[in-house]
Amino acid sequence: MRLTTKGRFAVTAMIDLAMRQQHGPVTLAGISQRQKISLSYLEQLFGRLRRHELVESTRGPGGGYSLGREPVQISVSEIIFAVDEPIDATHCGGREDCNDDGPCMTHELWSNLNVKMLEYLSSVSLADLVNQQRNRPITIRSEPVSIFREHRAALELPTSTLQSIDLNGLRPV
């Protein structure tokens, strides 16, 4: 079983929306930038999410999207199904015609996996995922910073070459 980008992106975008909607409607352009998901792809996904009443849209200046229900009332399985993402590990799509004469020898195994996946994804709410994100430790990357000549002069450093500097001691590295 493989969850495609459609389902992954829909869940990711819904987490982003749920984390930011308390300040008003959230724009798809903002989600697109933060999550590195194509804006046109998000528009397609949110059209489907809106038809399933998982999100509501607000038009005009200051418009965007907000959740259609409380995050605790939206399950991951609902999000995935809303964007037409099948959750099916069987080769036959559940039709039991894996072989010409009926189900394959592992059909029951994959069907049972489908049931377990659906149970799990139905048990995880959008609120659970938001809380997971809020409880993650924040990592701050420490990287050398390049400063152009104009800015370097203001810091009273030599301006002959473009160099990376150590911001702690303001000395060239």
N, C-alpha and C. Protein backbone atom coordinates (compact mmCIF):
# COMPACT_ATOMS: atom_id res chain seq x y z
N MET A 1 0.86 -1.18 0.00
CA MET A 1 0.00 0.00 0.00
C MET A 1 0.89 1.23 0.00
N ARG A 2 0.55 2.16 -0.84
CA ARG A 2 1.31 3.39 -0.92
C ARG A 2 0.36 4.56 -0.95
N LEU A 3 0.58 5.49 -0.06
CA LEU A 3 -0.22 6.71 -0.06
C LEU A 3 0.45 7.67 -1.03
N THR A 4 -0.29 8.18 -1.99
CA THR A 4 0.31 9.06 -2.98
C THR A 4 0.42 10.49 -2.45
N THR A 5 1.03 11.34 -3.26
CA THR A 5 1.23 12.73 -2.86
C THR A 5 -0.09 13.45 -2.62
N LYS A 6 -1.12 13.04 -3.30
CA LYS A 6 -2.43 13.69 -3.12
C LYS A 6 -2.88 13.61 -1.66
N GLY A 7 -2.85 12.43 -1.09
CA GLY A 7 -3.24 12.25 0.31
C GLY A 7 -2.26 12.91 1.27
N ARG A 8 -0.97 12.75 1.01
CA ARG A 8 0.06 13.34 1.87
C ARG A 8 -0.06 14.86 1.90
N PHE A 9 -0.17 15.46 0.71
CA PHE A 9 -0.25 16.91 0.63
C PHE A 9 -1.53 17.44 1.27
N ALA A 10 -2.63 16.71 1.10
CA ALA A 10 -3.90 17.15 1.70
C ALA A 10 -3.79 17.16 3.23
N VAL A 11 -3.20 16.12 3.80
CA VAL A 11 -3.04 16.06 5.26
C VAL A 11 -2.10 17.17 5.73
N THR A 12 -0.99 17.34 5.03
CA THR A 12 -0.02 18.39 5.39
C THR A 12 -0.66 19.77 5.34
N ALA A 13 -1.40 20.06 4.28
CA ALA A 13 -2.05 21.36 4.13
C ALA A 13 -3.10 21.58 5.22
N MET A 14 -3.81 20.54 5.58
CA MET A 14 -4.82 20.66 6.63
C MET A 14 -4.18 20.92 8.00
N ILE A 15 -3.03 20.33 8.26
CA ILE A 15 -2.31 20.61 9.51
C ILE A 15 -1.90 22.08 9.53
N ASP A 16 -1.33 22.55 8.42
CA ASP A 16 -0.91 23.95 8.32
C ASP A 16 -2.11 24.88 8.57
N LEU A 17 -3.22 24.59 7.92
CA LEU A 17 -4.43 25.39 8.07
C LEU A 17 -4.91 25.39 9.52
N ALA A 18 -4.96 24.23 10.13
CA ALA A 18 -5.44 24.13 11.51
C ALA A 18 -4.53 24.88 12.48
N MET A 19 -3.24 24.93 12.19
CA MET A 19 -2.31 25.61 13.08
C MET A 19 -2.37 27.13 12.96
N ARG A 20 -2.91 27.64 11.86
CA ARG A 20 -2.88 29.09 11.62
C ARG A 20 -4.25 29.76 11.55
N GLN A 21 -5.32 29.01 11.54
CA GLN A 21 -6.64 29.60 11.31
C GLN A 21 -7.15 30.48 12.44
N GLN A 22 -6.56 30.40 13.63
CA GLN A 22 -7.05 31.22 14.74
C GLN A 22 -6.85 32.70 14.47
N HIS A 23 -6.00 33.05 13.50
CA HIS A 23 -5.77 34.45 13.14
C HIS A 23 -6.63 34.89 11.95
N GLY A 24 -7.56 34.05 11.53
CA GLY A 24 -8.42 34.36 10.41
C GLY A 24 -8.17 33.40 9.26
N PRO A 25 -8.88 33.57 8.15
CA PRO A 25 -8.73 32.67 7.01
C PRO A 25 -7.27 32.61 6.54
N VAL A 26 -6.86 31.43 6.13
CA VAL A 26 -5.49 31.17 5.70
C VAL A 26 -5.46 31.05 4.18
N THR A 27 -4.53 31.75 3.55
CA THR A 27 -4.46 31.71 2.09
C THR A 27 -3.74 30.46 1.61
N LEU A 28 -4.15 29.99 0.44
CA LEU A 28 -3.47 28.85 -0.16
C LEU A 28 -2.05 29.24 -0.57
N ALA A 29 -1.86 30.51 -0.94
CA ALA A 29 -0.52 30.97 -1.30
C ALA A 29 0.42 30.83 -0.11
N GLY A 30 -0.06 31.13 1.08
CA GLY A 30 0.75 30.99 2.29
C GLY A 30 1.09 29.53 2.57
N ILE A 31 0.09 28.66 2.46
CA ILE A 31 0.33 27.23 2.66
C ILE A 31 1.32 26.73 1.61
N SER A 32 1.14 27.17 0.38
CA SER A 32 2.02 26.77 -0.71
C SER A 32 3.47 27.12 -0.41
N GLN A 33 3.71 28.32 0.06
CA GLN A 33 5.08 28.75 0.38
C GLN A 33 5.66 27.98 1.55
N ARG A 34 4.89 27.84 2.61
CA ARG A 34 5.40 27.18 3.81
C ARG A 34 5.65 25.70 3.60
N GLN A 35 4.77 25.04 2.84
CA GLN A 35 4.84 23.59 2.70
C GLN A 35 5.48 23.14 1.39
N LYS A 36 5.83 24.09 0.53
CA LYS A 36 6.46 23.77 -0.77
C LYS A 36 5.57 22.85 -1.61
N ILE A 37 4.28 23.24 -1.68
CA ILE A 37 3.30 22.52 -2.49
C ILE A 37 2.81 23.49 -3.54
N SER A 38 2.70 23.04 -4.76
CA SER A 38 2.25 23.89 -5.86
C SER A 38 0.88 24.50 -5.54
N LEU A 39 0.75 25.80 -5.82
CA LEU A 39 -0.51 26.50 -5.56
C LEU A 39 -1.66 25.89 -6.37
N SER A 40 -1.42 25.57 -7.63
CA SER A 40 -2.50 25.00 -8.44
C SER A 40 -2.92 23.63 -7.92
N TYR A 41 -1.98 22.86 -7.40
CA TYR A 41 -2.29 21.56 -6.81
C TYR A 41 -3.14 21.75 -5.54
N LEU A 42 -2.76 22.72 -4.72
CA LEU A 42 -3.55 23.02 -3.51
C LEU A 42 -4.96 23.45 -3.86
N GLU A 43 -5.10 24.24 -4.93
CA GLU A 43 -6.44 24.68 -5.34
C GLU A 43 -7.32 23.48 -5.68
N GLN A 44 -6.75 22.50 -6.36
CA GLN A 44 -7.51 21.28 -6.68
C GLN A 44 -7.89 20.53 -5.40
N LEU A 45 -6.92 20.35 -4.52
CA LEU A 45 -7.18 19.61 -3.28
C LEU A 45 -8.23 20.32 -2.42
N PHE A 46 -8.12 21.64 -2.29
CA PHE A 46 -9.05 22.37 -1.44
C PHE A 46 -10.44 22.44 -2.04
N GLY A 47 -10.54 22.37 -3.36
CA GLY A 47 -11.86 22.26 -3.98
C GLY A 47 -12.56 20.99 -3.51
N ARG A 48 -11.83 19.90 -3.46
CA ARG A 48 -12.39 18.63 -3.00
C ARG A 48 -12.68 18.66 -1.49
N LEU A 49 -11.76 19.23 -0.74
CA LEU A 49 -11.97 19.32 0.71
C LEU A 49 -13.19 20.18 1.03
N ARG A 50 -13.40 21.23 0.24
CA ARG A 50 -14.56 22.10 0.44
C ARG A 50 -15.85 21.36 0.11
N ARG A 51 -15.86 20.58 -0.96
CA ARG A 51 -17.06 19.81 -1.33
C ARG A 51 -17.42 18.80 -0.24
N HIS A 52 -16.44 18.32 0.50
CA HIS A 52 -16.70 17.39 1.60
C HIS A 52 -16.89 18.11 2.93
N GLU A 53 -16.97 19.44 2.87
CA GLU A 53 -17.23 20.30 4.02
C GLU A 53 -16.19 20.17 5.13
N LEU A 54 -14.95 19.86 4.72
CA LEU A 54 -13.85 19.82 5.69
C LEU A 54 -13.23 21.20 5.85
N VAL A 55 -13.39 22.04 4.82
CA VAL A 55 -12.91 23.42 4.88
C VAL A 55 -14.01 24.34 4.37
N GLU A 56 -13.90 25.61 4.76
CA GLU A 56 -14.82 26.65 4.27
C GLU A 56 -13.96 27.74 3.65
N SER A 57 -14.47 28.35 2.60
CA SER A 57 -13.71 29.43 1.97
C SER A 57 -14.35 30.78 2.25
N THR A 58 -13.49 31.80 2.33
CA THR A 58 -13.93 33.17 2.51
C THR A 58 -13.36 33.96 1.35
N ARG A 59 -14.21 34.65 0.61
CA ARG A 59 -13.76 35.40 -0.55
C ARG A 59 -13.40 36.83 -0.18
N GLY A 60 -12.67 37.47 -1.08
CA GLY A 60 -12.36 38.88 -0.93
C GLY A 60 -11.08 39.14 -0.17
N PRO A 61 -10.81 40.43 0.07
CA PRO A 61 -9.61 40.80 0.82
C PRO A 61 -9.63 40.16 2.21
N GLY A 62 -8.53 39.62 2.60
CA GLY A 62 -8.47 38.93 3.89
C GLY A 62 -9.09 37.55 3.84
N GLY A 63 -9.43 37.10 2.64
CA GLY A 63 -10.07 35.80 2.48
C GLY A 63 -9.07 34.66 2.50
N GLY A 64 -9.61 33.48 2.44
CA GLY A 64 -8.79 32.29 2.46
C GLY A 64 -9.64 31.12 2.92
N TYR A 65 -9.02 30.19 3.60
CA TYR A 65 -9.72 28.99 4.06
C TYR A 65 -9.64 28.85 5.57
N SER A 66 -10.68 28.23 6.13
CA SER A 66 -10.70 27.84 7.53
C SER A 66 -11.32 26.45 7.59
N LEU A 67 -11.16 25.79 8.71
CA LEU A 67 -11.70 24.44 8.85
C LEU A 67 -13.22 24.47 8.91
N GLY A 68 -13.85 23.46 8.35
CA GLY A 68 -15.30 23.35 8.36
C GLY A 68 -15.83 22.83 9.69
N ARG A 69 -14.97 22.16 10.44
CA ARG A 69 -15.32 21.64 11.77
C ARG A 69 -14.11 21.79 12.67
N GLU A 70 -14.29 21.52 13.93
CA GLU A 70 -13.18 21.56 14.87
C GLU A 70 -12.16 20.48 14.49
N PRO A 71 -10.87 20.74 14.68
CA PRO A 71 -9.84 19.77 14.30
C PRO A 71 -10.03 18.39 14.95
N VAL A 72 -10.57 18.36 16.15
CA VAL A 72 -10.77 17.08 16.84
C VAL A 72 -11.85 16.24 16.15
N GLN A 73 -12.70 16.89 15.34
CA GLN A 73 -13.80 16.20 14.66
C GLN A 73 -13.44 15.78 13.24
N ILE A 74 -12.20 16.03 12.81
CA ILE A 74 -11.77 15.67 11.45
C ILE A 74 -10.71 14.59 11.56
N SER A 75 -10.98 13.43 10.96
CA SER A 75 -10.00 12.34 11.00
C SER A 75 -9.13 12.36 9.74
N VAL A 76 -7.97 11.76 9.86
CA VAL A 76 -7.06 11.67 8.72
C VAL A 76 -7.72 10.89 7.58
N SER A 77 -8.47 9.85 7.92
CA SER A 77 -9.14 9.06 6.87
C SER A 77 -10.13 9.92 6.08
N GLU A 78 -10.84 10.83 6.76
CA GLU A 78 -11.77 11.72 6.06
C GLU A 78 -11.04 12.61 5.06
N ILE A 79 -9.89 13.12 5.47
CA ILE A 79 -9.11 14.00 4.58
C ILE A 79 -8.67 13.23 3.35
N ILE A 80 -8.15 12.02 3.58
CA ILE A 80 -7.66 11.21 2.46
C ILE A 80 -8.78 10.82 1.51
N PHE A 81 -9.92 10.40 2.06
CA PHE A 81 -11.06 10.04 1.21
C PHE A 81 -11.62 11.25 0.46
N ALA A 82 -11.57 12.42 1.09
CA ALA A 82 -12.11 13.63 0.45
C ALA A 82 -11.36 13.97 -0.83
N VAL A 83 -10.08 13.66 -0.88
CA VAL A 83 -9.31 13.97 -2.10
C VAL A 83 -9.23 12.76 -3.02
N ASP A 84 -10.19 11.82 -2.85
CA ASP A 84 -10.31 10.65 -3.71
C ASP A 84 -9.11 9.72 -3.64
N GLU A 85 -8.51 9.63 -2.49
CA GLU A 85 -7.35 8.77 -2.33
C GLU A 85 -7.82 7.43 -1.77
N PRO A 86 -7.75 6.35 -2.56
CA PRO A 86 -8.18 5.05 -2.03
C PRO A 86 -7.15 4.51 -1.05
N ILE A 87 -7.63 3.90 0.00
CA ILE A 87 -6.76 3.23 0.95
C ILE A 87 -6.97 1.75 0.72
N ASP A 88 -6.14 1.18 -0.14
CA ASP A 88 -6.33 -0.20 -0.53
C ASP A 88 -4.99 -0.85 -0.84
N ALA A 89 -4.66 -1.89 -0.09
CA ALA A 89 -3.40 -2.60 -0.30
C ALA A 89 -3.56 -3.80 -1.23
N THR A 90 -4.80 -4.13 -1.60
CA THR A 90 -4.99 -5.30 -2.47
C THR A 90 -4.61 -4.97 -3.91
N HIS A 91 -4.23 -5.98 -4.63
CA HIS A 91 -3.86 -5.81 -6.03
C HIS A 91 -5.10 -5.59 -6.91
N CYS A 92 -6.24 -6.11 -6.45
CA CYS A 92 -7.45 -6.09 -7.26
C CYS A 92 -8.40 -4.95 -6.91
N GLY A 93 -8.02 -4.11 -5.97
CA GLY A 93 -8.92 -3.03 -5.57
C GLY A 93 -10.10 -3.52 -4.77
N GLY A 94 -9.96 -4.68 -4.12
CA GLY A 94 -11.02 -5.23 -3.27
C GLY A 94 -12.07 -6.02 -4.03
N ARG A 95 -11.90 -6.21 -5.34
CA ARG A 95 -12.92 -6.91 -6.14
C ARG A 95 -12.81 -8.44 -6.05
N GLU A 96 -11.76 -8.93 -5.42
CA GLU A 96 -11.52 -10.36 -5.26
C GLU A 96 -11.35 -11.09 -6.59
N ASP A 97 -10.83 -10.40 -7.59
CA ASP A 97 -10.56 -11.05 -8.87
C ASP A 97 -9.07 -10.95 -9.23
N CYS A 98 -8.24 -11.10 -8.20
CA CYS A 98 -6.79 -10.98 -8.38
C CYS A 98 -6.31 -11.98 -9.44
N ASN A 99 -6.80 -13.18 -9.34
CA ASN A 99 -6.54 -14.21 -10.36
C ASN A 99 -7.79 -14.31 -11.22
N ASP A 100 -7.66 -14.92 -12.34
CA ASP A 100 -8.82 -15.06 -13.23
C ASP A 100 -9.98 -15.81 -12.57
N ASP A 101 -9.63 -16.75 -11.71
CA ASP A 101 -10.67 -17.57 -11.10
C ASP A 101 -11.03 -17.17 -9.67
N GLY A 102 -10.60 -16.02 -9.20
CA GLY A 102 -10.96 -15.57 -7.86
C GLY A 102 -9.81 -14.85 -7.17
N PRO A 103 -9.92 -14.71 -5.86
CA PRO A 103 -8.89 -13.96 -5.14
C PRO A 103 -7.56 -14.70 -5.10
N CYS A 104 -6.49 -13.93 -5.01
CA CYS A 104 -5.16 -14.53 -4.92
C CYS A 104 -4.94 -15.09 -3.52
N MET A 105 -3.83 -15.80 -3.35
CA MET A 105 -3.57 -16.45 -2.06
C MET A 105 -3.35 -15.45 -0.93
N THR A 106 -2.92 -14.23 -1.23
CA THR A 106 -2.66 -13.24 -0.18
C THR A 106 -3.77 -12.18 -0.08
N HIS A 107 -4.86 -12.37 -0.77
CA HIS A 107 -5.94 -11.38 -0.79
C HIS A 107 -6.43 -11.06 0.62
N GLU A 108 -6.64 -12.08 1.43
CA GLU A 108 -7.15 -11.86 2.78
C GLU A 108 -6.15 -11.07 3.63
N LEU A 109 -4.86 -11.34 3.46
CA LEU A 109 -3.82 -10.59 4.17
C LEU A 109 -3.93 -9.11 3.87
N TRP A 110 -4.01 -8.76 2.58
CA TRP A 110 -4.06 -7.35 2.18
C TRP A 110 -5.40 -6.72 2.54
N SER A 111 -6.46 -7.47 2.49
CA SER A 111 -7.77 -6.94 2.90
C SER A 111 -7.76 -6.62 4.39
N ASN A 112 -7.17 -7.49 5.20
CA ASN A 112 -7.07 -7.23 6.63
C ASN A 112 -6.19 -6.01 6.91
N LEU A 113 -5.14 -5.84 6.13
CA LEU A 113 -4.29 -4.66 6.28
C LEU A 113 -5.11 -3.40 5.98
N ASN A 114 -5.95 -3.45 4.96
CA ASN A 114 -6.82 -2.31 4.64
C ASN A 114 -7.68 -1.93 5.84
N VAL A 115 -8.25 -2.93 6.50
CA VAL A 115 -9.11 -2.68 7.66
C VAL A 115 -8.31 -2.01 8.76
N LYS A 116 -7.10 -2.53 9.03
CA LYS A 116 -6.25 -1.97 10.10
C LYS A 116 -5.82 -0.54 9.76
N MET A 117 -5.47 -0.28 8.50
CA MET A 117 -5.08 1.08 8.11
C MET A 117 -6.24 2.04 8.28
N LEU A 118 -7.42 1.62 7.84
CA LEU A 118 -8.59 2.48 7.97
C LEU A 118 -8.92 2.73 9.43
N GLU A 119 -8.83 1.70 10.27
CA GLU A 119 -9.08 1.89 11.70
C GLU A 119 -8.10 2.90 12.28
N TYR A 120 -6.81 2.75 11.93
CA TYR A 120 -5.80 3.66 12.47
C TYR A 120 -6.01 5.09 11.98
N LEU A 121 -6.17 5.27 10.68
CA LEU A 121 -6.32 6.62 10.12
C LEU A 121 -7.61 7.28 10.60
N SER A 122 -8.62 6.47 10.91
CA SER A 122 -9.87 7.01 11.46
C SER A 122 -9.71 7.40 12.92
N SER A 123 -8.74 6.80 13.59
CA SER A 123 -8.54 7.10 15.02
C SER A 123 -7.66 8.32 15.24
N VAL A 124 -6.98 8.79 14.20
CA VAL A 124 -6.09 9.94 14.32
C VAL A 124 -6.84 11.18 13.84
N SER A 125 -6.96 12.16 14.73
CA SER A 125 -7.67 13.39 14.36
C SER A 125 -6.68 14.45 13.91
N LEU A 126 -7.19 15.44 13.23
CA LEU A 126 -6.37 16.58 12.82
C LEU A 126 -5.80 17.27 14.06
N ALA A 127 -6.55 17.32 15.14
CA ALA A 127 -6.07 17.90 16.39
C ALA A 127 -4.86 17.14 16.93
N ASP A 128 -4.87 15.81 16.79
CA ASP A 128 -3.72 15.00 17.22
C ASP A 128 -2.46 15.41 16.46
N LEU A 129 -2.60 15.60 15.15
CA LEU A 129 -1.45 15.96 14.31
C LEU A 129 -0.96 17.37 14.62
N VAL A 130 -1.89 18.28 14.88
CA VAL A 130 -1.51 19.66 15.25
C VAL A 130 -0.74 19.64 16.57
N ASN A 131 -1.23 18.89 17.54
CA ASN A 131 -0.55 18.80 18.83
C ASN A 131 0.85 18.20 18.68
N GLN A 132 0.96 17.20 17.82
CA GLN A 132 2.28 16.61 17.54
C GLN A 132 3.25 17.67 17.04
N GLN A 133 2.78 18.49 16.11
CA GLN A 133 3.63 19.54 15.54
C GLN A 133 4.01 20.58 16.58
N ARG A 134 3.07 20.95 17.41
CA ARG A 134 3.34 21.98 18.43
C ARG A 134 4.28 21.48 19.51
N ASN A 135 4.33 20.17 19.72
CA ASN A 135 5.19 19.60 20.75
C ASN A 135 6.57 19.19 20.22
N ARG A 136 6.79 19.36 18.93
CA ARG A 136 8.10 19.03 18.36
C ARG A 136 9.13 20.03 18.83
N PRO A 137 10.35 19.56 19.12
CA PRO A 137 11.40 20.52 19.49
C PRO A 137 11.76 21.40 18.29
N ILE A 138 12.04 22.64 18.57
CA ILE A 138 12.41 23.58 17.52
C ILE A 138 13.91 23.49 17.29
N THR A 139 14.30 23.32 16.03
CA THR A 139 15.70 23.23 15.68
C THR A 139 16.11 24.50 14.96
N ILE A 140 17.13 25.16 15.47
CA ILE A 140 17.64 26.36 14.82
C ILE A 140 18.96 25.99 14.16
N ARG A 141 19.02 26.17 12.85
CA ARG A 141 20.23 25.83 12.11
C ARG A 141 21.23 26.98 12.22
N SER A 142 22.45 26.62 12.49
CA SER A 142 23.52 27.61 12.55
C SER A 142 24.37 27.46 11.30
N GLU A 143 24.24 28.40 10.41
CA GLU A 143 24.96 28.36 9.14
C GLU A 143 25.73 29.66 8.95
N PRO A 144 26.87 29.58 8.26
CA PRO A 144 27.60 30.82 7.97
C PRO A 144 26.73 31.75 7.12
N VAL A 145 26.86 33.02 7.34
CA VAL A 145 26.07 34.01 6.62
C VAL A 145 27.00 34.82 5.75
N SER A 146 26.65 35.00 4.48
CA SER A 146 27.44 35.83 3.59
C SER A 146 26.87 37.23 3.61
N ILE A 147 27.77 38.22 3.68
CA ILE A 147 27.34 39.61 3.70
C ILE A 147 27.99 40.32 2.51
N PHE A 148 27.19 41.07 1.76
CA PHE A 148 27.71 41.80 0.61
C PHE A 148 28.58 42.98 1.07
N ARG A 149 29.39 43.47 0.16
CA ARG A 149 30.32 44.56 0.47
C ARG A 149 29.68 45.75 1.16
N GLU A 150 28.49 46.16 0.69
CA GLU A 150 27.85 47.34 1.28
C GLU A 150 27.55 47.13 2.76
N HIS A 151 27.10 45.96 3.11
CA HIS A 151 26.77 45.66 4.49
C HIS A 151 28.03 45.45 5.33
N ARG A 152 29.06 44.91 4.71
CA ARG A 152 30.30 44.66 5.42
C ARG A 152 30.94 45.97 5.87
N ALA A 153 30.85 47.00 5.03
CA ALA A 153 31.43 48.30 5.39
C ALA A 153 30.76 48.83 6.66
N ALA A 154 29.49 48.61 6.78
CA ALA A 154 28.77 49.06 7.96
C ALA A 154 29.25 48.32 9.20
N LEU A 155 29.76 47.11 9.03
CA LEU A 155 30.26 46.33 10.16
C LEU A 155 31.75 46.56 10.38
N GLU A 156 32.35 47.45 9.59
CA GLU A 156 33.76 47.79 9.68
C GLU A 156 34.67 46.58 9.47
N LEU A 157 34.34 45.78 8.48
CA LEU A 157 35.17 44.65 8.11
C LEU A 157 35.80 44.93 6.75
N PRO A 158 36.90 44.28 6.43
CA PRO A 158 37.50 44.47 5.10
C PRO A 158 36.49 44.14 4.02
N THR A 159 36.49 44.94 2.95
CA THR A 159 35.50 44.75 1.89
C THR A 159 36.12 44.24 0.61
N SER A 160 37.34 43.77 0.63
CA SER A 160 38.00 43.37 -0.60
C SER A 160 37.40 42.11 -1.22
N THR A 161 36.89 41.19 -0.40
CA THR A 161 36.32 39.96 -0.94
C THR A 161 35.03 39.65 -0.20
N LEU A 162 34.23 38.86 -0.82
CA LEU A 162 33.00 38.39 -0.20
C LEU A 162 33.36 37.17 0.63
N GLN A 163 33.15 37.23 1.93
CA GLN A 163 33.51 36.13 2.81
C GLN A 163 32.34 35.79 3.72
N SER A 164 32.34 34.53 4.17
CA SER A 164 31.39 34.15 5.20
C SER A 164 31.95 34.63 6.52
N ILE A 165 31.07 35.02 7.42
CA ILE A 165 31.55 35.50 8.72
C ILE A 165 30.90 34.70 9.83
N ASP A 166 31.58 34.69 10.96
CA ASP A 166 31.05 34.09 12.18
C ASP A 166 30.30 35.21 12.89
N LEU A 167 28.97 35.07 13.01
CA LEU A 167 28.17 36.14 13.59
C LEU A 167 28.42 36.33 15.08
N ASN A 168 28.95 35.32 15.75
CA ASN A 168 29.23 35.46 17.19
C ASN A 168 30.37 36.44 17.43
N GLY A 169 31.47 36.32 16.67
CA GLY A 169 32.61 37.18 16.86
C GLY A 169 32.75 38.23 15.79
N LEU A 170 31.87 38.23 14.79
CA LEU A 170 31.93 39.14 13.65
C LEU A 170 33.32 39.19 13.01
N ARG A 171 33.92 38.03 12.85
CA ARG A 171 35.22 37.93 12.20
C ARG A 171 35.07 37.02 10.97
N PRO A 172 35.85 37.33 9.93
CA PRO A 172 35.79 36.46 8.75
C PRO A 172 36.23 35.04 9.10
N VAL A 173 35.56 34.08 8.46
CA VAL A 173 35.96 32.67 8.65
C VAL A 173 36.76 32.17 7.49
